[in-house]
Amino acid sequence: MTTPPDRPDTPADTEPADRPEPRPRWVVAVAAVAITLLVIFVVLHLAGVNIGGHR
């Protein structure tokens, strides 16, 4: 199938501008660990657990 004549070349047809390539696996792993730790910290903080040792 060819492109319609009213849109001869859109960024999606020539090159993906917003998603150039998939992320490496280690970037996904680091982000997942960081988000998990942040969620655990927030949940414990809201539950009233003294995490940092400060009063």
PDB file of N, CA and C in Angstrom:
ATOM      1  N   MET A   1       0.843  -1.183   0.000  1.00  0.00           N
ATOM      2  CA  MET A   1       0.000   0.000   0.000  1.00  0.00           C
ATOM      3  C   MET A   1       0.881   1.236   0.000  1.00  0.00           C
ATOM      4  N   THR A   2       0.441   2.245  -0.701  1.00  0.00           N
ATOM      5  CA  THR A   2       1.212   3.482  -0.781  1.00  0.00           C
ATOM      6  C   THR A   2       0.610   4.502   0.168  1.00  0.00           C
ATOM      7  N   THR A   3       1.352   5.574   0.402  1.00  0.00           N
ATOM      8  CA  THR A   3       0.854   6.611   1.294  1.00  0.00           C
ATOM      9  C   THR A   3      -0.201   7.428   0.559  1.00  0.00           C
ATOM     10  N   PRO A   4      -1.183   7.956   1.291  1.00  0.00           N
ATOM     11  CA  PRO A   4      -2.192   8.807   0.641  1.00  0.00           C
ATOM     12  C   PRO A   4      -1.560  10.069   0.085  1.00  0.00           C
ATOM     13  N   PRO A   5      -2.088  10.619  -0.997  1.00  0.00           N
ATOM     14  CA  PRO A   5      -1.471  11.809  -1.599  1.00  0.00           C
ATOM     15  C   PRO A   5      -1.596  13.062  -0.737  1.00  0.00           C
ATOM     16  N   ASP A   6      -2.566  13.106   0.191  1.00  0.00           N
ATOM     17  CA  ASP A   6      -2.700  14.320   1.000  1.00  0.00           C
ATOM     18  C   ASP A   6      -1.657  14.390   2.106  1.00  0.00           C
ATOM     19  N   ARG A   7      -1.046  13.244   2.475  1.00  0.00           N
ATOM     20  CA  ARG A   7       0.067  13.259   3.425  1.00  0.00           C
ATOM     21  C   ARG A   7       1.235  12.513   2.805  1.00  0.00           C
ATOM     22  N   PRO A   8       2.032  13.177   2.005  1.00  0.00           N
ATOM     23  CA  PRO A   8       3.102  12.476   1.272  1.00  0.00           C
ATOM     24  C   PRO A   8       4.180  11.911   2.181  1.00  0.00           C
ATOM     25  N   ASP A   9       4.681  12.702   3.126  1.00  0.00           N
ATOM     26  CA  ASP A   9       5.639  12.129   4.074  1.00  0.00           C
ATOM     27  C   ASP A   9       5.393  12.714   5.455  1.00  0.00           C
ATOM     28  N   THR A  10       4.960  11.847   6.335  1.00  0.00           N
ATOM     29  CA  THR A  10       4.766  12.224   7.731  1.00  0.00           C
ATOM     30  C   THR A  10       5.945  11.669   8.521  1.00  0.00           C
ATOM     31  N   PRO A  11       6.198  12.178   9.721  1.00  0.00           N
ATOM     32  CA  PRO A  11       7.314  11.642  10.517  1.00  0.00           C
ATOM     33  C   PRO A  11       7.187  10.150  10.800  1.00  0.00           C
ATOM     34  N   ALA A  12       5.965   9.631  10.865  1.00  0.00           N
ATOM     35  CA  ALA A  12       5.790   8.203  11.125  1.00  0.00           C
ATOM     36  C   ALA A  12       6.223   7.375   9.915  1.00  0.00           C
ATOM     37  N   ASP A  13       6.128   7.954   8.721  1.00  0.00           N
ATOM     38  CA  ASP A  13       6.504   7.201   7.527  1.00  0.00           C
ATOM     39  C   ASP A  13       8.018   7.227   7.305  1.00  0.00           C
ATOM     40  N   THR A  14       8.647   8.366   7.563  1.00  0.00           N
ATOM     41  CA  THR A  14      10.076   8.483   7.276  1.00  0.00           C
ATOM     42  C   THR A  14      10.926   7.908   8.405  1.00  0.00           C
ATOM     43  N   GLU A  15      10.703   8.389   9.650  1.00  0.00           N
ATOM     44  CA  GLU A  15      11.464   7.894  10.786  1.00  0.00           C
ATOM     45  C   GLU A  15      10.674   8.134  12.064  1.00  0.00           C
ATOM     46  N   PRO A  16      10.745   7.227  13.017  1.00  0.00           N
ATOM     47  CA  PRO A  16      10.042   7.449  14.287  1.00  0.00           C
ATOM     48  C   PRO A  16      10.771   8.507  15.113  1.00  0.00           C
ATOM     49  N   ALA A  17      10.140   9.652  15.284  1.00  0.00           N
ATOM     50  CA  ALA A  17      10.814  10.759  15.966  1.00  0.00           C
ATOM     51  C   ALA A  17      10.753  10.599  17.482  1.00  0.00           C
ATOM     52  N   ASP A  18       9.598  10.144  17.991  1.00  0.00           N
ATOM     53  CA  ASP A  18       9.456  10.090  19.442  1.00  0.00           C
ATOM     54  C   ASP A  18       9.992   8.786  20.024  1.00  0.00           C
ATOM     55  N   ARG A  19      10.076   7.704  19.245  1.00  0.00           N
ATOM     56  CA  ARG A  19      10.607   6.427  19.748  1.00  0.00           C
ATOM     57  C   ARG A  19      11.718   5.951  18.832  1.00  0.00           C
ATOM     58  N   PRO A  20      12.930   6.451  19.011  1.00  0.00           N
ATOM     59  CA  PRO A  20      14.009   6.073  18.087  1.00  0.00           C
ATOM     60  C   PRO A  20      14.406   4.605  18.188  1.00  0.00           C
ATOM     61  N   GLU A  21      14.473   4.073  19.401  1.00  0.00           N
ATOM     62  CA  GLU A  21      14.871   2.669  19.569  1.00  0.00           C
ATOM     63  C   GLU A  21      14.441   2.215  20.956  1.00  0.00           C
ATOM     64  N   PRO A  22      14.232   0.930  21.167  1.00  0.00           N
ATOM     65  CA  PRO A  22      13.850   0.458  22.501  1.00  0.00           C
ATOM     66  C   PRO A  22      14.977   0.644  23.505  1.00  0.00           C
ATOM     67  N   ARG A  23      14.603   0.811  24.763  1.00  0.00           N
ATOM     68  CA  ARG A  23      15.618   1.039  25.798  1.00  0.00           C
ATOM     69  C   ARG A  23      16.386  -0.242  26.078  1.00  0.00           C
ATOM     70  N   PRO A  24      17.647  -0.099  26.487  1.00  0.00           N
ATOM     71  CA  PRO A  24      18.393  -1.300  26.912  1.00  0.00           C
ATOM     72  C   PRO A  24      17.754  -1.933  28.144  1.00  0.00           C
ATOM     73  N   ARG A  25      18.023  -3.214  28.339  1.00  0.00           N
ATOM     74  CA  ARG A  25      17.378  -3.950  29.432  1.00  0.00           C
ATOM     75  C   ARG A  25      17.822  -3.441  30.796  1.00  0.00           C
ATOM     76  N   TRP A  26      19.090  -2.972  30.919  1.00  0.00           N
ATOM     77  CA  TRP A  26      19.555  -2.521  32.232  1.00  0.00           C
ATOM     78  C   TRP A  26      18.879  -1.216  32.631  1.00  0.00           C
ATOM     79  N   VAL A  27      18.525  -0.392  31.647  1.00  0.00           N
ATOM     80  CA  VAL A  27      17.825   0.859  31.968  1.00  0.00           C
ATOM     81  C   VAL A  27      16.444   0.547  32.527  1.00  0.00           C
ATOM     82  N   VAL A  28      15.769  -0.426  31.915  1.00  0.00           N
ATOM     83  CA  VAL A  28      14.454  -0.828  32.409  1.00  0.00           C
ATOM     84  C   VAL A  28      14.566  -1.427  33.805  1.00  0.00           C
ATOM     85  N   ALA A  29      15.608  -2.224  34.046  1.00  0.00           N
ATOM     86  CA  ALA A  29      15.777  -2.852  35.357  1.00  0.00           C
ATOM     87  C   ALA A  29      16.063  -1.808  36.433  1.00  0.00           C
ATOM     88  N   VAL A  30      16.922  -0.852  36.142  1.00  0.00           N
ATOM     89  CA  VAL A  30      17.245   0.189  37.126  1.00  0.00           C
ATOM     90  C   VAL A  30      16.016   1.037  37.425  1.00  0.00           C
ATOM     91  N   ALA A  31      15.257   1.368  36.397  1.00  0.00           N
ATOM     92  CA  ALA A  31      14.043   2.161  36.607  1.00  0.00           C
ATOM     93  C   ALA A  31      13.018   1.391  37.430  1.00  0.00           C
ATOM     94  N   ALA A  32      12.896   0.093  37.179  1.00  0.00           N
ATOM     95  CA  ALA A  32      11.936  -0.711  37.932  1.00  0.00           C
ATOM     96  C   ALA A  32      12.331  -0.799  39.408  1.00  0.00           C
ATOM     97  N   VAL A  33      13.617  -0.982  39.671  1.00  0.00           N
ATOM     98  CA  VAL A  33      14.078  -1.054  41.059  1.00  0.00           C
ATOM     99  C   VAL A  33      13.873   0.287  41.755  1.00  0.00           C
ATOM    100  N   ALA A  34      14.170   1.378  41.070  1.00  0.00           N
ATOM    101  CA  ALA A  34      14.012   2.699  41.679  1.00  0.00           C
ATOM    102  C   ALA A  34      12.545   2.986  41.989  1.00  0.00           C
ATOM    103  N   ILE A  35      11.659   2.660  41.069  1.00  0.00           N
ATOM    104  CA  ILE A  35      10.232   2.900  41.298  1.00  0.00           C
ATOM    105  C   ILE A  35       9.723   2.020  42.435  1.00  0.00           C
ATOM    106  N   THR A  36      10.189   0.766  42.470  1.00  0.00           N
ATOM    107  CA  THR A  36       9.759  -0.143  43.535  1.00  0.00           C
ATOM    108  C   THR A  36      10.193   0.371  44.910  1.00  0.00           C
ATOM    109  N   LEU A  37      11.448   0.793  45.010  1.00  0.00           N
ATOM    110  CA  LEU A  37      11.928   1.314  46.292  1.00  0.00           C
ATOM    111  C   LEU A  37      11.190   2.584  46.689  1.00  0.00           C
ATOM    112  N   LEU A  38      10.882   3.429  45.711  1.00  0.00           N
ATOM    113  CA  LEU A  38      10.151   4.660  46.012  1.00  0.00           C
ATOM    114  C   LEU A  38       8.755   4.347  46.525  1.00  0.00           C
ATOM    115  N   VAL A  39       8.089   3.380  45.894  1.00  0.00           N
ATOM    116  CA  VAL A  39       6.740   3.010  46.335  1.00  0.00           C
ATOM    117  C   VAL A  39       6.780   2.427  47.746  1.00  0.00           C
ATOM    118  N   ILE A  40       7.772   1.561  48.013  1.00  0.00           N
ATOM    119  CA  ILE A  40       7.889   0.983  49.359  1.00  0.00           C
ATOM    120  C   ILE A  40       8.142   2.080  50.392  1.00  0.00           C
ATOM    121  N   PHE A  41       9.019   3.017  50.060  1.00  0.00           N
ATOM    122  CA  PHE A  41       9.327   4.111  50.985  1.00  0.00           C
ATOM    123  C   PHE A  41       8.083   4.938  51.286  1.00  0.00           C
ATOM    124  N   VAL A  42       7.313   5.258  50.248  1.00  0.00           N
ATOM    125  CA  VAL A  42       6.118   6.086  50.437  1.00  0.00           C
ATOM    126  C   VAL A  42       5.069   5.333  51.259  1.00  0.00           C
ATOM    127  N   VAL A  43       4.887   4.052  50.976  1.00  0.00           N
ATOM    128  CA  VAL A  43       3.891   3.270  51.721  1.00  0.00           C
ATOM    129  C   VAL A  43       4.279   3.171  53.192  1.00  0.00           C
ATOM    130  N   LEU A  44       5.550   2.900  53.476  1.00  0.00           N
ATOM    131  CA  LEU A  44       5.987   2.809  54.875  1.00  0.00           C
ATOM    132  C   LEU A  44       5.882   4.170  55.567  1.00  0.00           C
ATOM    133  N   HIS A  45       6.191   5.230  54.841  1.00  0.00           N
ATOM    134  CA  HIS A  45       6.107   6.568  55.414  1.00  0.00           C
ATOM    135  C   HIS A  45       4.662   6.905  55.765  1.00  0.00           C
ATOM    136  N   LEU A  46       3.744   6.556  54.875  1.00  0.00           N
ATOM    137  CA  LEU A  46       2.342   6.831  55.145  1.00  0.00           C
ATOM    138  C   LEU A  46       1.808   5.943  56.268  1.00  0.00           C
ATOM    139  N   ALA A  47       2.418   4.774  56.442  1.00  0.00           N
ATOM    140  CA  ALA A  47       1.980   3.875  57.514  1.00  0.00           C
ATOM    141  C   ALA A  47       2.534   4.300  58.874  1.00  0.00           C
ATOM    142  N   GLY A  48       3.433   5.256  58.893  1.00  0.00           N
ATOM    143  CA  GLY A  48       3.935   5.782  60.151  1.00  0.00           C
ATOM    144  C   GLY A  48       5.230   5.139  60.604  1.00  0.00           C
ATOM    145  N   VAL A  49       5.899   4.377  59.744  1.00  0.00           N
ATOM    146  CA  VAL A  49       7.155   3.746  60.113  1.00  0.00           C
ATOM    147  C   VAL A  49       8.257   4.804  60.051  1.00  0.00           C
ATOM    148  N   ASN A  50       9.117   4.825  61.077  1.00  0.00           N
ATOM    149  CA  ASN A  50      10.195   5.799  61.118  1.00  0.00           C
ATOM    150  C   ASN A  50      11.386   5.237  60.336  1.00  0.00           C
ATOM    151  N   ILE A  51      11.555   5.703  59.091  1.00  0.00           N
ATOM    152  CA  ILE A  51      12.548   5.105  58.200  1.00  0.00           C
ATOM    153  C   ILE A  51      13.933   5.700  58.456  1.00  0.00           C
ATOM    154  N   GLY A  52      14.020   7.014  58.471  1.00  0.00           N
ATOM    155  CA  GLY A  52      15.322   7.664  58.537  1.00  0.00           C
ATOM    156  C   GLY A  52      15.932   7.714  59.917  1.00  0.00           C
ATOM    157  N   GLY A  53      15.168   7.403  60.950  1.00  0.00           N
ATOM    158  CA  GLY A  53      15.687   7.467  62.302  1.00  0.00           C
ATOM    159  C   GLY A  53      15.536   8.840  62.933  1.00  0.00           C
ATOM    160  N   HIS A  54      14.936   9.777  62.212  1.00  0.00           N
ATOM    161  CA  HIS A  54      14.730  11.120  62.770  1.00  0.00           C
ATOM    162  C   HIS A  54      13.391  11.164  63.492  1.00  0.00           C
ATOM    163  N   ARG A  55      13.294  12.156  64.409  1.00  0.00           N
ATOM    164  CA  ARG A  55      12.026  12.285  65.120  1.00  0.00           C
ATOM    165  C   ARG A  55      11.202  13.391  64.492  1.00  0.00           C
TER     166      ARG A  55
END
